[in-house]
Structure formats: structure tokens, C-alpha cells
Amino acid sequence: MVAGPSWWERAACAGAPLEAFFEEYRSRGKSRAAEYCRSCPVTQECLQDALRAESQQYAGPWGYRAGKTAVERRALGRYQRSA
């Protein structure tokens, strides 16, 4: 397993099955991932990491992270770049 930032260990989803974050493409739902994010103490760190990785093309804009779908993060990333 690849080591991640230290905040990952405090994430509500630490140890969760990865497929829970990609259900939106199968069912257009986000219930399991949303449950993790709703109670997560590191949502802001997760969002910043996702936006940084996606803007630098380290990762594609897929899945559910920081309480946001890929579409929501793309829109937020465009807004932040234009501000």
C-alpha cells in the first residue's frame, strides 16, 4: 500500500472499500461515500488534495471525495482557478 498524507489516517473513510467511492458511475448515487464524508474531520484536507492532484493531472477527476462528486470538484476547481 502506498503511504499518503498524514491526514489520511484521520479520515472517516480510512480502511473503507475503494469501490464505495466510485458507485456514482454505477448507480448515480453517492450514499455510501457520502456517509463517510458527512462525519469526516479532514474534509477540507481531502478536498484540497483532490483539487491539487486533479489540477496537476496526478489523478483524473473520478469518484467521490471530500463530500463532492467529480463533476462538483471540476466546477469548484474551475472557479478557484478563475478567482
Foldseek 3Di string as FASTA:
>chain_A
DDDDDPCLVQQLCNVPDPVLFQCCVVPVDNPVVLVRLVPTPCLVVFLVVLLVCCVVVVDPLQTDGSNDGSVRSVVVSVVVVVD
